[in-house]
Amino acid sequence: MPELPDLQVFSKNLDKTLKGKTLQKISINSKRIKTSAVAFNKTLAGRKLKKVYREGKQLRLLFDDDALLGIHLMLHGKLVLFQKQHTEKNSVATLLFDDDTGLAVTDFQGAAQLTLNPEESEAPDALSSAVNAAFLKKIFGEKHKQVKELLLDQHVIRGIGNAYADEILWQAKLSPFSYTDKIPAANITKLATAIKKVLKDAEKKILKSNPGIIAGEVRDFMLVHNSKKEKSPGGKPILTTSAKSRKTYYTEEQELFK
């Protein structure tokens, strides 16, 4: 699954390619997308694309008159740019612009979602200024949950996925199994800094190694959440455990608070 830094890069590359173009037509090929093609076209067709950006785990396409299209790639969704026609299998939706540039959303599971004028969430985005030490201290004090579980809760903070939660917690030297209401204030401050650092650094690395990417995920630079590595940069063995179909990577360098 593409995570926040991947989506950041996708949005920037799509914005460069598609911004200023007028949407000619949108086709829907998935029964899981509840909004009809007629409704999508009534709202979006004929409007110029003003901006592509990321919000949480969703890509957003903002058109004239503030008409908004949300795209959530889910686990296996991919984006493909094409000219005039495409031959992509498992297409769930296709956007065709006035210069014959097209964008196909594919997913072999058919789970990728398109949403018309998605509702705004009260949970702040992980890269927003609202996600700071004060915010985390308040949230952590109100809940008794393992810290990784809370970081992944999109109703609390939007955008952090499994792999980057591991990288963030290792950077902060905080065990993923620590309970939020037991973590000292100084460690929470360190975690707040790690969230921004890890996510922003990852975006820069992806842009450097895959400058035009709009699909897939880049993980080879990860320090801990990396199946090809046996030890962390600090020389400690990387440990793994699985729960709820989710694998956690961590080391004994990370302090546990229970």
C-alpha atoms as a PDB file:
ATOM      1  CA  MET A   1       0.000   0.000   0.000  1.00  0.00           C
ATOM      2  CA  PRO A   2       1.345   3.463  -0.869  1.00  0.00           C
ATOM      3  CA  GLU A   3       1.785   5.477   2.329  1.00  0.00           C
ATOM      4  CA  LEU A   4       1.918   9.196   3.031  1.00  0.00           C
ATOM      5  CA  PRO A   5       5.345   9.999   1.492  1.00  0.00           C
ATOM      6  CA  ASP A   6       4.482   7.986  -1.631  1.00  0.00           C
ATOM      7  CA  LEU A   7       1.184   9.825  -1.997  1.00  0.00           C
ATOM      8  CA  GLN A   8       2.914  13.155  -1.472  1.00  0.00           C
ATOM      9  CA  VAL A   9       5.157  12.402  -4.441  1.00  0.00           C
ATOM     10  CA  PHE A  10       2.266  11.063  -6.546  1.00  0.00           C
ATOM     11  CA  SER A  11       0.267  14.240  -5.934  1.00  0.00           C
ATOM     12  CA  LYS A  12       3.151  16.515  -6.920  1.00  0.00           C
ATOM     13  CA  ASN A  13       3.822  14.593 -10.119  1.00  0.00           C
ATOM     14  CA  LEU A  14       0.137  14.470 -11.066  1.00  0.00           C
ATOM     15  CA  ASP A  15      -0.203  18.173 -10.342  1.00  0.00           C
ATOM     16  CA  LYS A  16       2.665  18.924 -12.741  1.00  0.00           C
ATOM     17  CA  THR A  17       1.101  16.784 -15.472  1.00  0.00           C
ATOM     18  CA  LEU A  18      -2.615  17.490 -15.119  1.00  0.00           C
ATOM     19  CA  LYS A  19      -3.012  20.949 -13.581  1.00  0.00           C
ATOM     20  CA  GLY A  20      -4.821  23.354 -15.912  1.00  0.00           C
ATOM     21  CA  LYS A  21      -6.420  20.638 -18.030  1.00  0.00           C
ATOM     22  CA  THR A  22     -10.205  20.393 -18.385  1.00  0.00           C
ATOM     23  CA  LEU A  23     -11.884  17.102 -17.538  1.00  0.00           C
ATOM     24  CA  GLN A  24     -13.762  15.788 -20.549  1.00  0.00           C
ATOM     25  CA  LYS A  25     -15.233  12.633 -19.065  1.00  0.00           C
ATOM     26  CA  ILE A  26     -14.978  10.242 -16.155  1.00  0.00           C
ATOM     27  CA  SER A  27     -15.865   6.550 -16.514  1.00  0.00           C
ATOM     28  CA  ILE A  28     -16.651   4.238 -13.598  1.00  0.00           C
ATOM     29  CA  ASN A  29     -16.076   0.491 -13.932  1.00  0.00           C
ATOM     30  CA  SER A  30     -16.554  -0.731 -10.369  1.00  0.00           C
ATOM     31  CA  LYS A  31     -19.751  -1.640  -8.555  1.00  0.00           C
ATOM     32  CA  ARG A  32     -17.993  -0.837  -5.276  1.00  0.00           C
ATOM     33  CA  ILE A  33     -17.989   2.834  -6.190  1.00  0.00           C
ATOM     34  CA  LYS A  34     -21.471   3.844  -5.086  1.00  0.00           C
ATOM     35  CA  THR A  35     -21.640   7.220  -6.847  1.00  0.00           C
ATOM     36  CA  SER A  36     -22.747   6.869 -10.466  1.00  0.00           C
ATOM     37  CA  ALA A  37     -20.748   7.984 -13.481  1.00  0.00           C
ATOM     38  CA  VAL A  38     -23.641  10.353 -14.270  1.00  0.00           C
ATOM     39  CA  ALA A  39     -23.210  12.094 -10.903  1.00  0.00           C
ATOM     40  CA  PHE A  40     -19.434  12.321 -11.284  1.00  0.00           C
ATOM     41  CA  ASN A  41     -19.730  13.810 -14.770  1.00  0.00           C
ATOM     42  CA  LYS A  42     -22.486  16.227 -13.789  1.00  0.00           C
ATOM     43  CA  THR A  43     -20.223  17.696 -11.105  1.00  0.00           C
ATOM     44  CA  LEU A  44     -16.773  17.401 -12.699  1.00  0.00           C
ATOM     45  CA  ALA A  45     -16.966  17.224 -16.503  1.00  0.00           C
ATOM     46  CA  GLY A  46     -16.145  20.493 -18.239  1.00  0.00           C
ATOM     47  CA  ARG A  47     -14.276  21.862 -15.220  1.00  0.00           C
ATOM     48  CA  LYS A  48     -10.593  22.785 -15.169  1.00  0.00           C
ATOM     49  CA  LEU A  49      -8.289  21.027 -12.724  1.00  0.00           C
ATOM     50  CA  LYS A  50      -6.853  23.573 -10.318  1.00  0.00           C
ATOM     51  CA  LYS A  51      -4.726  21.380  -8.091  1.00  0.00           C
ATOM     52  CA  VAL A  52      -3.781  17.813  -7.108  1.00  0.00           C
ATOM     53  CA  TYR A  53      -2.836  17.292  -3.491  1.00  0.00           C
ATOM     54  CA  ARG A  54      -2.826  14.712  -0.711  1.00  0.00           C
ATOM     55  CA  GLU A  55      -5.105  14.678   2.319  1.00  0.00           C
ATOM     56  CA  GLY A  56      -4.520  11.855   4.807  1.00  0.00           C
ATOM     57  CA  LYS A  57      -4.341   8.638   2.758  1.00  0.00           C
ATOM     58  CA  GLN A  58      -6.356  10.121  -0.087  1.00  0.00           C
ATOM     59  CA  LEU A  59      -5.401  11.982  -3.245  1.00  0.00           C
ATOM     60  CA  ARG A  60      -7.564  14.996  -3.985  1.00  0.00           C
ATOM     61  CA  LEU A  61      -8.253  16.590  -7.373  1.00  0.00           C
ATOM     62  CA  LEU A  62      -9.642  20.099  -6.978  1.00  0.00           C
ATOM     63  CA  PHE A  63     -11.556  21.500  -9.957  1.00  0.00           C
ATOM     64  CA  ASP A  64     -13.135  24.862 -10.710  1.00  0.00           C
ATOM     65  CA  ASP A  65     -16.040  25.895  -8.471  1.00  0.00           C
ATOM     66  CA  ASP A  66     -14.390  23.891  -5.661  1.00  0.00           C
ATOM     67  CA  ALA A  67     -15.619  20.585  -7.097  1.00  0.00           C
ATOM     68  CA  LEU A  68     -13.509  17.897  -5.464  1.00  0.00           C
ATOM     69  CA  LEU A  69     -12.644  14.308  -6.388  1.00  0.00           C
ATOM     70  CA  GLY A  70     -11.092  12.024  -3.778  1.00  0.00           C
ATOM     71  CA  ILE A  71      -9.115   8.919  -4.760  1.00  0.00           C
ATOM     72  CA  HIS A  72      -8.204   6.271  -2.185  1.00  0.00           C
ATOM     73  CA  LEU A  73      -5.963   3.556  -3.625  1.00  0.00           C
ATOM     74  CA  MET A  74      -6.561   1.155  -0.728  1.00  0.00           C
ATOM     75  CA  LEU A  75      -4.148  -1.830  -0.651  1.00  0.00           C
ATOM     76  CA  HIS A  76      -3.503  -2.511  -4.323  1.00  0.00           C
ATOM     77  CA  GLY A  77      -4.739   0.478  -6.322  1.00  0.00           C
ATOM     78  CA  LYS A  78      -2.472   2.056  -8.934  1.00  0.00           C
ATOM     79  CA  LEU A  79      -2.530   5.152 -11.117  1.00  0.00           C
ATOM     80  CA  VAL A  80      -1.587   5.083 -14.800  1.00  0.00           C
ATOM     81  CA  LEU A  81      -1.242   8.070 -17.142  1.00  0.00           C
ATOM     82  CA  PHE A  82      -2.060   7.478 -20.814  1.00  0.00           C
ATOM     83  CA  GLN A  83      -2.837   9.224 -24.098  1.00  0.00           C
ATOM     84  CA  LYS A  84      -6.254   8.802 -25.762  1.00  0.00           C
ATOM     85  CA  GLN A  85      -6.772   5.166 -24.789  1.00  0.00           C
ATOM     86  CA  HIS A  86      -5.424   2.698 -22.268  1.00  0.00           C
ATOM     87  CA  THR A  87      -5.185  -1.061 -22.163  1.00  0.00           C
ATOM     88  CA  GLU A  88      -4.850  -1.375 -18.408  1.00  0.00           C
ATOM     89  CA  LYS A  89      -6.517  -4.378 -16.831  1.00  0.00           C
ATOM     90  CA  ASN A  90      -8.647  -4.067 -13.703  1.00  0.00           C
ATOM     91  CA  SER A  91      -9.528  -0.441 -14.300  1.00  0.00           C
ATOM     92  CA  VAL A  92     -12.030   0.848 -11.735  1.00  0.00           C
ATOM     93  CA  ALA A  93     -12.211   4.380 -13.142  1.00  0.00           C
ATOM     94  CA  THR A  94     -10.821   6.496 -15.975  1.00  0.00           C
ATOM     95  CA  LEU A  95     -10.468  10.266 -16.242  1.00  0.00           C
ATOM     96  CA  LEU A  96     -10.042  11.731 -19.739  1.00  0.00           C
ATOM     97  CA  PHE A  97      -8.955  15.347 -20.175  1.00  0.00           C
ATOM     98  CA  ASP A  98      -9.451  17.735 -23.076  1.00  0.00           C
ATOM     99  CA  ASP A  99      -5.974  17.188 -24.590  1.00  0.00           C
ATOM    100  CA  ASP A 100      -6.501  13.394 -24.641  1.00  0.00           C
ATOM    101  CA  THR A 101      -4.376  12.905 -21.537  1.00  0.00           C
ATOM    102  CA  GLY A 102      -5.957  10.269 -19.322  1.00  0.00           C
ATOM    103  CA  LEU A 103      -5.595   8.910 -15.822  1.00  0.00           C
ATOM    104  CA  ALA A 104      -6.645   5.328 -15.084  1.00  0.00           C
ATOM    105  CA  VAL A 105      -7.232   4.033 -11.561  1.00  0.00           C
ATOM    106  CA  THR A 106      -6.649   0.270 -11.469  1.00  0.00           C
ATOM    107  CA  ASP A 107      -7.043  -2.326  -8.733  1.00  0.00           C
ATOM    108  CA  PHE A 108      -7.096  -6.096  -9.250  1.00  0.00           C
ATOM    109  CA  GLN A 109      -9.199  -6.395  -6.085  1.00  0.00           C
ATOM    110  CA  GLY A 110     -11.551  -3.647  -7.226  1.00  0.00           C
ATOM    111  CA  ALA A 111     -11.315  -1.919  -3.852  1.00  0.00           C
ATOM    112  CA  ALA A 112      -9.917   1.481  -4.883  1.00  0.00           C
ATOM    113  CA  GLN A 113     -12.436   4.204  -4.164  1.00  0.00           C
ATOM    114  CA  LEU A 114     -13.442   7.468  -5.824  1.00  0.00           C
ATOM    115  CA  THR A 115     -15.465   9.948  -3.800  1.00  0.00           C
ATOM    116  CA  LEU A 116     -17.287  13.046  -4.962  1.00  0.00           C
ATOM    117  CA  ASN A 117     -16.778  16.058  -2.669  1.00  0.00           C
ATOM    118  CA  PRO A 118     -15.419  13.979   0.253  1.00  0.00           C
ATOM    119  CA  GLU A 119     -16.269  15.192   3.728  1.00  0.00           C
ATOM    120  CA  GLU A 120     -13.510  16.819   5.725  1.00  0.00           C
ATOM    121  CA  SER A 121     -12.290  14.934   8.772  1.00  0.00           C
ATOM    122  CA  GLU A 122     -11.800  16.442  12.208  1.00  0.00           C
ATOM    123  CA  ALA A 123      -8.628  14.370  12.653  1.00  0.00           C
ATOM    124  CA  PRO A 124      -5.549  16.396  11.639  1.00  0.00           C
ATOM    125  CA  ASP A 125      -3.217  15.321   8.863  1.00  0.00           C
ATOM    126  CA  ALA A 126       0.120  13.945  10.077  1.00  0.00           C
ATOM    127  CA  LEU A 127       2.055  16.722   8.316  1.00  0.00           C
ATOM    128  CA  SER A 128      -0.153  19.538   9.562  1.00  0.00           C
ATOM    129  CA  SER A 129       1.058  21.972  12.217  1.00  0.00           C
ATOM    130  CA  ALA A 130      -1.780  20.693  14.432  1.00  0.00           C
ATOM    131  CA  VAL A 131       0.072  17.413  14.977  1.00  0.00           C
ATOM    132  CA  ASN A 132       2.571  18.658  17.543  1.00  0.00           C
ATOM    133  CA  ALA A 133       3.750  17.752  21.028  1.00  0.00           C
ATOM    134  CA  ALA A 134       0.820  19.501  22.726  1.00  0.00           C
ATOM    135  CA  PHE A 135      -1.702  17.637  20.564  1.00  0.00           C
ATOM    136  CA  LEU A 136      -0.060  14.267  21.205  1.00  0.00           C
ATOM    137  CA  LYS A 137       0.191  14.867  24.949  1.00  0.00           C
ATOM    138  CA  LYS A 138      -3.530  15.648  25.101  1.00  0.00           C
ATOM    139  CA  ILE A 139      -4.554  12.648  22.982  1.00  0.00           C
ATOM    140  CA  PHE A 140      -2.180  10.253  24.725  1.00  0.00           C
ATOM    141  CA  GLY A 141      -3.404  11.316  28.144  1.00  0.00           C
ATOM    142  CA  GLU A 142      -6.997  10.586  27.190  1.00  0.00           C
ATOM    143  CA  LYS A 143      -6.413   7.056  25.891  1.00  0.00           C
ATOM    144  CA  HIS A 144      -4.895   3.808  27.134  1.00  0.00           C
ATOM    145  CA  LYS A 145      -3.737   2.213  23.868  1.00  0.00           C
ATOM    146  CA  GLN A 146      -0.494   0.942  22.473  1.00  0.00           C
ATOM    147  CA  VAL A 147       1.224   3.850  20.765  1.00  0.00           C
ATOM    148  CA  LYS A 148       1.528   2.219  17.342  1.00  0.00           C
ATOM    149  CA  GLU A 149      -2.169   1.401  17.339  1.00  0.00           C
ATOM    150  CA  LEU A 150      -2.974   5.027  18.066  1.00  0.00           C
ATOM    151  CA  LEU A 151      -0.645   6.360  15.366  1.00  0.00           C
ATOM    152  CA  LEU A 152      -2.448   4.162  12.836  1.00  0.00           C
ATOM    153  CA  ASP A 153      -5.923   5.295  13.906  1.00  0.00           C
ATOM    154  CA  GLN A 154      -7.117   7.528  11.060  1.00  0.00           C
ATOM    155  CA  HIS A 155      -9.760   9.009  13.364  1.00  0.00           C
ATOM    156  CA  VAL A 156      -6.952  10.442  15.505  1.00  0.00           C
ATOM    157  CA  ILE A 157      -4.181  11.279  13.009  1.00  0.00           C
ATOM    158  CA  ARG A 158      -4.620  10.907   9.268  1.00  0.00           C
ATOM    159  CA  GLY A 159      -1.973   9.558   6.929  1.00  0.00           C
ATOM    160  CA  ILE A 160       0.394   7.357   8.924  1.00  0.00           C
ATOM    161  CA  GLY A 161       0.539   3.739   7.748  1.00  0.00           C
ATOM    162  CA  ASN A 162       2.097   0.593   9.122  1.00  0.00           C
ATOM    163  CA  ALA A 163       5.603   0.881   7.662  1.00  0.00           C
ATOM    164  CA  TYR A 164       6.104   4.520   8.593  1.00  0.00           C
ATOM    165  CA  ALA A 165       4.688   4.019  12.074  1.00  0.00           C
ATOM    166  CA  ASP A 166       7.564   1.575  12.664  1.00  0.00           C
ATOM    167  CA  GLU A 167      10.123   4.010  11.246  1.00  0.00           C
ATOM    168  CA  ILE A 168       8.752   6.901  13.318  1.00  0.00           C
ATOM    169  CA  LEU A 169       8.750   4.915  16.549  1.00  0.00           C
ATOM    170  CA  TRP A 170      12.290   3.679  15.954  1.00  0.00           C
ATOM    171  CA  GLN A 171      13.440   7.246  15.246  1.00  0.00           C
ATOM    172  CA  ALA A 172      11.834   8.340  18.531  1.00  0.00           C
ATOM    173  CA  LYS A 173      13.349   5.310  20.324  1.00  0.00           C
ATOM    174  CA  LEU A 174       9.877   4.439  21.600  1.00  0.00           C
ATOM    175  CA  SER A 175       8.566   0.882  21.726  1.00  0.00           C
ATOM    176  CA  PRO A 176       5.463   0.291  19.598  1.00  0.00           C
ATOM    177  CA  PHE A 177       4.030  -1.595  22.579  1.00  0.00           C
ATOM    178  CA  SER A 178       4.228   1.376  24.959  1.00  0.00           C
ATOM    179  CA  TYR A 179       0.902   2.547  26.341  1.00  0.00           C
ATOM    180  CA  THR A 180       0.114   6.124  25.431  1.00  0.00           C
ATOM    181  CA  ASP A 181      -0.924   7.270  28.919  1.00  0.00           C
ATOM    182  CA  LYS A 182       2.357   5.940  30.376  1.00  0.00           C
ATOM    183  CA  ILE A 183       4.733   7.746  28.015  1.00  0.00           C
ATOM    184  CA  PRO A 184       6.613  10.689  29.638  1.00  0.00           C
ATOM    185  CA  ALA A 185       6.150  14.180  28.192  1.00  0.00           C
ATOM    186  CA  ALA A 186       9.757  14.392  26.973  1.00  0.00           C
ATOM    187  CA  ASN A 187       9.333  11.192  24.947  1.00  0.00           C
ATOM    188  CA  ILE A 188       6.091  12.459  23.440  1.00  0.00           C
ATOM    189  CA  THR A 189       7.881  15.627  22.325  1.00  0.00           C
ATOM    190  CA  LYS A 190      10.559  13.474  20.701  1.00  0.00           C
ATOM    191  CA  LEU A 191       7.851  11.461  18.945  1.00  0.00           C
ATOM    192  CA  ALA A 192       6.197  14.608  17.567  1.00  0.00           C
ATOM    193  CA  THR A 193       9.522  15.636  16.039  1.00  0.00           C
ATOM    194  CA  ALA A 194      10.097  12.146  14.624  1.00  0.00           C
ATOM    195  CA  ILE A 195       6.723  12.123  12.839  1.00  0.00           C
ATOM    196  CA  LYS A 196       7.572  15.156  10.721  1.00  0.00           C
ATOM    197  CA  LYS A 197      11.226  14.208  10.191  1.00  0.00           C
ATOM    198  CA  VAL A 198      10.619  10.640   9.034  1.00  0.00           C
ATOM    199  CA  LEU A 199       7.746  11.518   6.689  1.00  0.00           C
ATOM    200  CA  LYS A 200       9.455  14.541   5.115  1.00  0.00           C
ATOM    201  CA  ASP A 201      12.815  12.786   4.749  1.00  0.00           C
ATOM    202  CA  ALA A 202      11.107   9.818   3.080  1.00  0.00           C
ATOM    203  CA  GLU A 203       9.392  12.084   0.562  1.00  0.00           C
ATOM    204  CA  LYS A 204      12.748  13.620  -0.387  1.00  0.00           C
ATOM    205  CA  LYS A 205      14.334  10.186  -0.822  1.00  0.00           C
ATOM    206  CA  ILE A 206      11.492   8.933  -3.012  1.00  0.00           C
ATOM    207  CA  LEU A 207      11.648  12.054  -5.189  1.00  0.00           C
ATOM    208  CA  LYS A 208      15.394  11.630  -5.587  1.00  0.00           C
ATOM    209  CA  SER A 209      15.322   7.938  -6.523  1.00  0.00           C
ATOM    210  CA  ASN A 210      11.988   7.876  -8.419  1.00  0.00           C
ATOM    211  CA  PRO A 211      11.297  11.463  -9.496  1.00  0.00           C
ATOM    212  CA  GLY A 212       8.330  10.768 -11.805  1.00  0.00           C
ATOM    213  CA  ILE A 213       6.599   8.022  -9.823  1.00  0.00           C
ATOM    214  CA  ILE A 214       2.779   7.938  -9.566  1.00  0.00           C
ATOM    215  CA  ALA A 215       2.263   4.313  -8.505  1.00  0.00           C
ATOM    216  CA  GLY A 216       3.761   1.673  -6.252  1.00  0.00           C
ATOM    217  CA  GLU A 217       5.762   2.126  -3.081  1.00  0.00           C
ATOM    218  CA  VAL A 218       9.437   2.783  -2.399  1.00  0.00           C
ATOM    219  CA  ARG A 219      10.778   1.128   0.750  1.00  0.00           C
ATOM    220  CA  ASP A 220      14.443   0.236   0.144  1.00  0.00           C
ATOM    221  CA  PHE A 221      15.768   3.157   2.207  1.00  0.00           C
ATOM    222  CA  MET A 222      13.845   2.232   5.355  1.00  0.00           C
ATOM    223  CA  LEU A 223      16.037   1.687   8.410  1.00  0.00           C
ATOM    224  CA  VAL A 224      13.942  -0.789  10.412  1.00  0.00           C
ATOM    225  CA  HIS A 225      10.756  -1.717   8.550  1.00  0.00           C
ATOM    226  CA  ASN A 226      12.826  -3.518   5.954  1.00  0.00           C
ATOM    227  CA  SER A 227      12.819  -7.274   5.375  1.00  0.00           C
ATOM    228  CA  LYS A 228      16.288  -7.071   3.784  1.00  0.00           C
ATOM    229  CA  LYS A 229      17.920  -5.693   6.931  1.00  0.00           C
ATOM    230  CA  GLU A 230      18.888  -7.723   9.986  1.00  0.00           C
ATOM    231  CA  LYS A 231      20.191  -4.900  12.171  1.00  0.00           C
ATOM    232  CA  SER A 232      19.292  -1.272  12.796  1.00  0.00           C
ATOM    233  CA  PRO A 233      21.802   1.541  12.162  1.00  0.00           C
ATOM    234  CA  GLY A 234      22.571   1.262  15.877  1.00  0.00           C
ATOM    235  CA  GLY A 235      23.649  -2.348  15.406  1.00  0.00           C
ATOM    236  CA  LYS A 236      20.745  -3.986  17.224  1.00  0.00           C
ATOM    237  CA  PRO A 237      18.863  -6.961  15.728  1.00  0.00           C
ATOM    238  CA  ILE A 238      15.589  -6.039  14.059  1.00  0.00           C
ATOM    239  CA  LEU A 239      12.730  -7.958  15.671  1.00  0.00           C
ATOM    240  CA  THR A 240       9.316  -8.641  14.150  1.00  0.00           C
ATOM    241  CA  THR A 241       5.908  -9.634  15.372  1.00  0.00           C
ATOM    242  CA  SER A 242       2.534  -9.959  13.647  1.00  0.00           C
ATOM    243  CA  ALA A 243      -0.937  -9.045  14.858  1.00  0.00           C
ATOM    244  CA  LYS A 244      -4.207  -8.343  13.021  1.00  0.00           C
ATOM    245  CA  SER A 245      -2.541  -9.129   9.665  1.00  0.00           C
ATOM    246  CA  ARG A 246       0.004  -6.389  10.355  1.00  0.00           C
ATOM    247  CA  LYS A 247       3.746  -6.897  10.805  1.00  0.00           C
ATOM    248  CA  THR A 248       5.685  -4.739  13.249  1.00  0.00           C
ATOM    249  CA  TYR A 249       9.437  -4.153  13.012  1.00  0.00           C
ATOM    250  CA  TYR A 250      11.271  -2.865  16.101  1.00  0.00           C
ATOM    251  CA  THR A 251      14.479  -3.177  18.152  1.00  0.00           C
ATOM    252  CA  GLU A 252      15.512  -3.265  21.795  1.00  0.00           C
ATOM    253  CA  GLU A 253      16.769   0.306  21.358  1.00  0.00           C
ATOM    254  CA  GLN A 254      13.151   1.440  21.744  1.00  0.00           C
ATOM    255  CA  GLU A 255      12.051   2.160  25.306  1.00  0.00           C
ATOM    256  CA  LEU A 256       8.940   0.445  26.627  1.00  0.00           C
ATOM    257  CA  PHE A 257       6.477   2.294  28.890  1.00  0.00           C
ATOM    258  CA  LYS A 258       3.697   0.192  30.455  1.00  0.00           C
END
